[in-house]
C-alpha atoms as a PDB file:
ATOM      1  CA  MET A   1     112.115 117.192 113.796  1.00  0.00           C
ATOM      2  CA  ALA A   2     112.259 119.436 110.814  1.00  0.00           C
ATOM      3  CA  GLU A   3     116.046 120.364 111.202  1.00  0.00           C
ATOM      4  CA  LYS A   4     116.839 117.042 110.821  1.00  0.00           C
ATOM      5  CA  TYR A   5     114.776 116.895 106.984  1.00  0.00           C
ATOM      6  CA  ASN A   6     115.968 120.585 107.343  1.00  0.00           C
ATOM      7  CA  GLY A   7     116.219 121.294 103.268  1.00  0.00           C
ATOM      8  CA  ALA A   8     115.673 124.704 100.935  1.00  0.00           C
ATOM      9  CA  CYS A   9     112.765 125.997 102.520  1.00  0.00           C
ATOM     10  CA  SER A  10     112.005 127.660 105.881  1.00  0.00           C
ATOM     11  CA  LEU A  11     108.986 126.984 108.625  1.00  0.00           C
ATOM     12  CA  TRP A  12     107.438 129.686 109.884  1.00  0.00           C
ATOM     13  CA  PHE A  13     105.578 129.305 113.073  1.00  0.00           C
ATOM     14  CA  PRO A  14     103.067 132.175 113.727  1.00  0.00           C
ATOM     15  CA  LYS A  15     101.815 133.353 116.857  1.00  0.00           C
ATOM     16  CA  SER A  16      97.853 133.407 116.010  1.00  0.00           C
ATOM     17  CA  SER A  17      95.890 136.418 116.853  1.00  0.00           C
ATOM     18  CA  LEU A  18      92.740 133.351 117.107  1.00  0.00           C
ATOM     19  CA  GLY A  19      93.784 132.254 120.591  1.00  0.00           C
ATOM     20  CA  LYS A  20      94.520 128.609 120.618  1.00  0.00           C
ATOM     21  CA  LYS A  21      92.692 126.205 118.507  1.00  0.00           C
ATOM     22  CA  THR A  22      93.061 122.590 118.748  1.00  0.00           C
ATOM     23  CA  GLY A  23      91.486 119.715 116.260  1.00  0.00           C
ATOM     24  CA  LEU A  24      90.327 120.416 112.458  1.00  0.00           C
ATOM     25  CA  ALA A  25      89.617 124.526 113.883  1.00  0.00           C
ATOM     26  CA  VAL A  26      93.343 124.891 113.357  1.00  0.00           C
ATOM     27  CA  LEU A  27      92.870 124.742 109.622  1.00  0.00           C
ATOM     28  CA  ASP A  28      90.838 128.346 110.103  1.00  0.00           C
ATOM     29  CA  SER A  29      94.361 129.900 110.373  1.00  0.00           C
ATOM     30  CA  ILE A  30      94.336 129.470 106.803  1.00  0.00           C
ATOM     31  CA  ASN A  31      92.315 132.677 106.205  1.00  0.00           C
ATOM     32  CA  THR A  32      94.145 134.417 108.712  1.00  0.00           C
ATOM     33  CA  VAL A  33      97.409 133.986 107.236  1.00  0.00           C
ATOM     34  CA  ILE A  34      96.671 134.376 103.614  1.00  0.00           C
ATOM     35  CA  ASP A  35      94.973 138.255 104.660  1.00  0.00           C
ATOM     36  CA  ILE A  36      98.147 138.932 106.450  1.00  0.00           C
ATOM     37  CA  ASN A  37     100.600 137.779 103.901  1.00  0.00           C
ATOM     38  CA  PRO A  38      99.186 136.778 100.943  1.00  0.00           C
ATOM     39  CA  LYS A  39     102.566 135.137  99.974  1.00  0.00           C
ATOM     40  CA  ILE A  40     102.087 132.201 101.665  1.00  0.00           C
ATOM     41  CA  GLY A  41     100.818 129.447 100.023  1.00  0.00           C
ATOM     42  CA  THR A  42     101.416 126.217 101.619  1.00  0.00           C
ATOM     43  CA  PHE A  43     100.532 125.234 105.266  1.00  0.00           C
ATOM     44  CA  LEU A  44     101.944 122.415 107.685  1.00  0.00           C
ATOM     45  CA  PHE A  45      98.950 121.402 110.670  1.00  0.00           C
ATOM     46  CA  LEU A  46     100.111 118.971 112.959  1.00  0.00           C
ATOM     47  CA  ILE A  47      96.768 117.570 114.891  1.00  0.00           C
ATOM     48  CA  ASP A  48      96.398 115.359 117.842  1.00  0.00           C
ATOM     49  CA  ARG A  49      93.986 112.551 117.075  1.00  0.00           C
ATOM     50  CA  GLU A  50      92.593 113.050 120.760  1.00  0.00           C
ATOM     51  CA  HIS A  51      91.596 116.836 120.187  1.00  0.00           C
ATOM     52  CA  ILE A  52      89.697 115.125 116.593  1.00  0.00           C
ATOM     53  CA  VAL A  53      87.848 112.539 118.345  1.00  0.00           C
ATOM     54  CA  GLN A  54      86.894 115.100 121.685  1.00  0.00           C
ATOM     55  CA  GLY A  55      82.964 114.879 122.350  1.00  0.00           C
ATOM     56  CA  MET A  56      82.642 111.754 120.047  1.00  0.00           C
ATOM     57  CA  ASN A  57      81.181 108.160 121.904  1.00  0.00           C
ATOM     58  CA  ARG A  58      83.949 105.708 122.419  1.00  0.00           C
ATOM     59  CA  ARG A  59      82.195 103.414 119.725  1.00  0.00           C
ATOM     60  CA  SER A  60      82.393 106.470 117.510  1.00  0.00           C
ATOM     61  CA  ARG A  61      86.081 107.276 117.662  1.00  0.00           C
ATOM     62  CA  ASP A  62      87.296 103.204 117.471  1.00  0.00           C
ATOM     63  CA  GLU A  63      84.978 103.261 113.984  1.00  0.00           C
ATOM     64  CA  LEU A  64      87.006 106.405 112.953  1.00  0.00           C
ATOM     65  CA  ASP A  65      89.001 105.494 109.894  1.00  0.00           C
ATOM     66  CA  ASN A  66      91.537 107.485 107.577  1.00  0.00           C
ATOM     67  CA  SER A  67      88.615 108.057 105.011  1.00  0.00           C
ATOM     68  CA  ASP A  68      86.315 109.593 107.713  1.00  0.00           C
ATOM     69  CA  ILE A  69      89.381 111.758 108.507  1.00  0.00           C
ATOM     70  CA  LYS A  70      89.728 112.743 105.316  1.00  0.00           C
ATOM     71  CA  GLY A  71      85.980 113.968 104.594  1.00  0.00           C
ATOM     72  CA  MET A  72      86.805 115.768 107.771  1.00  0.00           C
ATOM     73  CA  VAL A  73      89.326 117.910 106.717  1.00  0.00           C
ATOM     74  CA  GLU A  74      87.548 118.397 103.221  1.00  0.00           C
ATOM     75  CA  ASP A  75      84.360 119.474 105.123  1.00  0.00           C
ATOM     76  CA  LYS A  76      86.746 121.890 107.291  1.00  0.00           C
ATOM     77  CA  LEU A  77      88.247 123.118 104.541  1.00  0.00           C
ATOM     78  CA  SER A  78      85.520 123.276 102.357  1.00  0.00           C
ATOM     79  CA  ASN A  79      83.448 125.386 105.145  1.00  0.00           C
ATOM     80  CA  LYS A  80      86.276 128.058 104.848  1.00  0.00           C
ATOM     81  CA  HIS A  81      85.842 128.560 100.881  1.00  0.00           C
ATOM     82  CA  ILE A  82      88.918 126.313 100.124  1.00  0.00           C
ATOM     83  CA  LYS A  83      88.559 124.370  97.152  1.00  0.00           C
ATOM     84  CA  ILE A  84      89.843 121.316  96.785  1.00  0.00           C
ATOM     85  CA  ILE A  85      91.332 120.636  93.580  1.00  0.00           C
ATOM     86  CA  LYS A  86      93.283 117.168  94.824  1.00  0.00           C
ATOM     87  CA  ILE A  87      94.462 115.201  97.498  1.00  0.00           C
ATOM     88  CA  ASP A  88      97.283 113.014  97.058  1.00  0.00           C
ATOM     89  CA  ASN A  89      96.464 108.946  98.109  1.00  0.00           C
ATOM     90  CA  ASN A  90     100.005 107.807  98.058  1.00  0.00           C
ATOM     91  CA  THR A  91     100.511 109.100 101.557  1.00  0.00           C
ATOM     92  CA  PRO A  92     100.442 107.180 105.216  1.00  0.00           C
ATOM     93  CA  ASP A  93      97.418 106.751 106.679  1.00  0.00           C
ATOM     94  CA  GLU A  94      96.178 110.259 108.465  1.00  0.00           C
ATOM     95  CA  ALA A  95      98.623 112.515 106.474  1.00  0.00           C
ATOM     96  CA  PHE A  96      96.965 114.104 103.553  1.00  0.00           C
ATOM     97  CA  ILE A  97      98.776 116.274 100.981  1.00  0.00           C
ATOM     98  CA  ILE A  98      96.018 118.616  99.290  1.00  0.00           C
ATOM     99  CA  ASN A  99      96.338 121.061  96.720  1.00  0.00           C
ATOM    100  CA  GLY A 100      93.638 124.135  96.608  1.00  0.00           C
ATOM    101  CA  LYS A 101      92.673 127.156  96.164  1.00  0.00           C
ATOM    102  CA  LEU A 102      91.270 130.077  98.147  1.00  0.00           C
ATOM    103  CA  GLY A 103      90.277 132.785  95.867  1.00  0.00           C
ATOM    104  CA  SER A 104      93.174 133.240  93.515  1.00  0.00           C
ATOM    105  CA  HIS A 105      95.401 131.912  96.044  1.00  0.00           C
ATOM    106  CA  VAL A 106      97.117 128.713  95.095  1.00  0.00           C
ATOM    107  CA  LEU A 107      97.454 126.202  98.010  1.00  0.00           C
ATOM    108  CA  GLN A 108      99.592 123.170  99.205  1.00  0.00           C
ATOM    109  CA  ILE A 109      98.193 122.242 102.234  1.00  0.00           C
ATOM    110  CA  TYR A 110      99.742 119.236 104.597  1.00  0.00           C
ATOM    111  CA  VAL A 111      97.752 118.075 107.306  1.00  0.00           C
ATOM    112  CA  LEU A 112      99.180 115.230 109.522  1.00  0.00           C
ATOM    113  CA  ILE A 113      96.969 113.567 112.499  1.00  0.00           C
ATOM    114  CA  GLN A 114      99.442 112.576 115.132  1.00  0.00           C
ATOM    115  CA  GLY A 115      99.111 109.765 117.301  1.00  0.00           C
ATOM    116  CA  ILE A 116      98.878 105.963 116.886  1.00  0.00           C
ATOM    117  CA  ASP A 117      95.456 105.468 118.855  1.00  0.00           C
ATOM    118  CA  LEU A 118      95.009 108.610 120.506  1.00  0.00           C
ATOM    119  CA  LYS A 119      97.915 110.956 121.348  1.00  0.00           C
ATOM    120  CA  ILE A 120     101.594 111.890 120.221  1.00  0.00           C
ATOM    121  CA  GLU A 121     102.839 110.356 123.672  1.00  0.00           C
ATOM    122  CA  GLU A 122     102.108 107.127 121.852  1.00  0.00           C
ATOM    123  CA  GLU A 123     104.507 107.982 119.013  1.00  0.00           C
ATOM    124  CA  ILE A 124     106.930 109.446 121.368  1.00  0.00           C
ATOM    125  CA  SER A 125     106.975 106.053 123.819  1.00  0.00           C
ATOM    126  CA  LYS A 126     107.831 104.217 120.510  1.00  0.00           C
ATOM    127  CA  LEU A 127     110.929 106.405 119.584  1.00  0.00           C
ATOM    128  CA  ILE A 128     112.037 105.516 123.626  1.00  0.00           C
ATOM    129  CA  LYS A 129     111.885 102.155 122.569  1.00  0.00           C
ATOM    130  CA  LEU A 130     113.446 102.303 119.565  1.00  0.00           C
ATOM    131  CA  GLU A 131     116.411 104.313 120.459  1.00  0.00           C
ATOM    132  CA  LYS A 132     116.588 103.130 124.521  1.00  0.00           C
ATOM    133  CA  ASP A 133     115.350  99.553 124.243  1.00  0.00           C
ATOM    134  CA  ILE A 134     113.123 101.201 127.018  1.00  0.00           C
ATOM    135  CA  MET A 135     109.035 100.320 127.214  1.00  0.00           C
ATOM    136  CA  ILE A 136     107.894 103.761 128.592  1.00  0.00           C
ATOM    137  CA  PRO A 137     103.609 104.233 128.694  1.00  0.00           C
ATOM    138  CA  PRO A 138     102.642 106.574 126.168  1.00  0.00           C
ATOM    139  CA  GLU A 139     101.134 109.149 129.370  1.00  0.00           C
ATOM    140  CA  LYS A 140     102.542 112.437 129.918  1.00  0.00           C
ATOM    141  CA  GLU A 141     104.093 112.304 133.068  1.00  0.00           C
ATOM    142  CA  HIS A 142     105.750 108.647 132.503  1.00  0.00           C
ATOM    143  CA  ILE A 143     107.665 110.272 129.184  1.00  0.00           C
ATOM    144  CA  GLN A 144     107.813 113.323 131.573  1.00  0.00           C
ATOM    145  CA  ASP A 145     109.793 111.226 134.729  1.00  0.00           C
ATOM    146  CA  PHE A 146     112.054 109.556 131.673  1.00  0.00           C
ATOM    147  CA  PHE A 147     112.953 112.982 130.335  1.00  0.00           C
ATOM    148  CA  LYS A 148     113.734 114.109 133.656  1.00  0.00           C
ATOM    149  CA  GLU A 149     115.875 111.192 134.415  1.00  0.00           C
ATOM    150  CA  THR A 150     117.618 110.614 131.275  1.00  0.00           C
ATOM    151  CA  PHE A 151     118.536 114.465 129.723  1.00  0.00           C
ATOM    152  CA  HIS A 152     117.312 116.746 132.973  1.00  0.00           C
ATOM    153  CA  ARG A 153     115.084 118.030 131.297  1.00  0.00           C
ATOM    154  CA  LYS A 154     110.858 117.694 132.670  1.00  0.00           C
ATOM    155  CA  GLY A 155     108.824 119.094 129.728  1.00  0.00           C
ATOM    156  CA  ILE A 156     107.833 117.008 126.885  1.00  0.00           C
ATOM    157  CA  GLY A 157     108.803 119.914 124.442  1.00  0.00           C
ATOM    158  CA  GLN A 158     112.488 119.710 125.028  1.00  0.00           C
ATOM    159  CA  GLY A 159     112.902 115.974 125.952  1.00  0.00           C
ATOM    160  CA  THR A 160     111.478 114.819 122.611  1.00  0.00           C
ATOM    161  CA  VAL A 161     113.894 117.294 121.113  1.00  0.00           C
ATOM    162  CA  LYS A 162     116.770 115.852 123.177  1.00  0.00           C
ATOM    163  CA  LEU A 163     115.628 112.393 121.966  1.00  0.00           C
ATOM    164  CA  ILE A 164     114.850 113.364 118.424  1.00  0.00           C
ATOM    165  CA  VAL A 165     117.985 115.021 117.686  1.00  0.00           C
ATOM    166  CA  ARG A 166     119.717 112.042 118.461  1.00  0.00           C
ATOM    167  CA  ALA A 167     117.691 109.400 116.812  1.00  0.00           C
ATOM    168  CA  SER A 168     118.600 107.778 113.773  1.00  0.00           C
ATOM    169  CA  LYS A 169     116.222 108.747 110.720  1.00  0.00           C
ATOM    170  CA  ASN A 170     115.248 105.092 110.537  1.00  0.00           C
ATOM    171  CA  ASN A 171     113.544 105.192 113.948  1.00  0.00           C
ATOM    172  CA  LEU A 172     112.224 108.855 113.256  1.00  0.00           C
ATOM    173  CA  ARG A 173     110.451 107.193 110.246  1.00  0.00           C
ATOM    174  CA  MET A 174     109.335 104.118 112.105  1.00  0.00           C
ATOM    175  CA  SER A 175     108.190 106.285 115.103  1.00  0.00           C
ATOM    176  CA  PHE A 176     106.625 109.045 113.016  1.00  0.00           C
ATOM    177  CA  PRO A 177     105.739 107.767 109.871  1.00  0.00           C
ATOM    178  CA  GLY A 178     103.320 110.806 108.407  1.00  0.00           C
ATOM    179  CA  LEU A 179     105.148 113.091 109.712  1.00  0.00           C
ATOM    180  CA  THR A 180     108.524 112.306 108.371  1.00  0.00           C
ATOM    181  CA  PHE A 181     106.942 111.454 105.374  1.00  0.00           C
ATOM    182  CA  ILE A 182     105.240 114.975 104.588  1.00  0.00           C
ATOM    183  CA  LEU A 183     108.291 117.006 106.141  1.00  0.00           C
ATOM    184  CA  ASN A 184     110.200 114.667 102.749  1.00  0.00           C
ATOM    185  CA  ALA A 185     107.508 115.690 100.524  1.00  0.00           C
ATOM    186  CA  ILE A 186     108.280 119.099 101.359  1.00  0.00           C
ATOM    187  CA  GLY A 187     111.825 119.205 101.303  1.00  0.00           C
ATOM    188  CA  ASN A 188     111.713 117.781  97.549  1.00  0.00           C
ATOM    189  CA  LEU A 189     109.058 120.248  96.313  1.00  0.00           C
ATOM    190  CA  TYR A 190     110.818 122.815  97.724  1.00  0.00           C
ATOM    191  CA  SER A 191     114.367 121.363  96.121  1.00  0.00           C
ATOM    192  CA  LYS A 192     112.464 120.742  92.551  1.00  0.00           C
ATOM    193  CA  ASN A 193     111.334 124.467  92.583  1.00  0.00           C
ATOM    194  CA  ASN A 194     114.744 126.200  93.263  1.00  0.00           C
END
């Protein structure tokens, strides 16, 4: 997706020495990355909704809204000694742009909660519907079967890459509104600064 919204900045996907983290625990990596490379101050986190709601009962999951998630993100960052200066409220639901500080480090943090109701496969399924006019249930096995038949790639990652490369920007925006918004915001920020 980032290649479709390629701008003046680079995205770096570091391997974590902390092991695989999911949910809001991924925000812990801000402190680690700054310890390794203090010049980095911009972060993008993509978090599946299903990893935030793990352990919640169904009623709590169903009642979880954008302001609840925003509060959870704020609490997690505060627990990592990150002072929140501003959270942009002009973003799609479940997309957060946060200005903050960690000691003397100025931070720009982009957080996106993926999944229409629960998981990213819902967004991938929506893109398949828009691009191919085929309704595929938003389950891994159904999407994998579609990708194997269509692109000769069974992996969701590889199949999604092929789908995204061929997709129109309008369909990407409709399927992934938060992600496309954030990638545009990052591109605009860096085009102004360069």
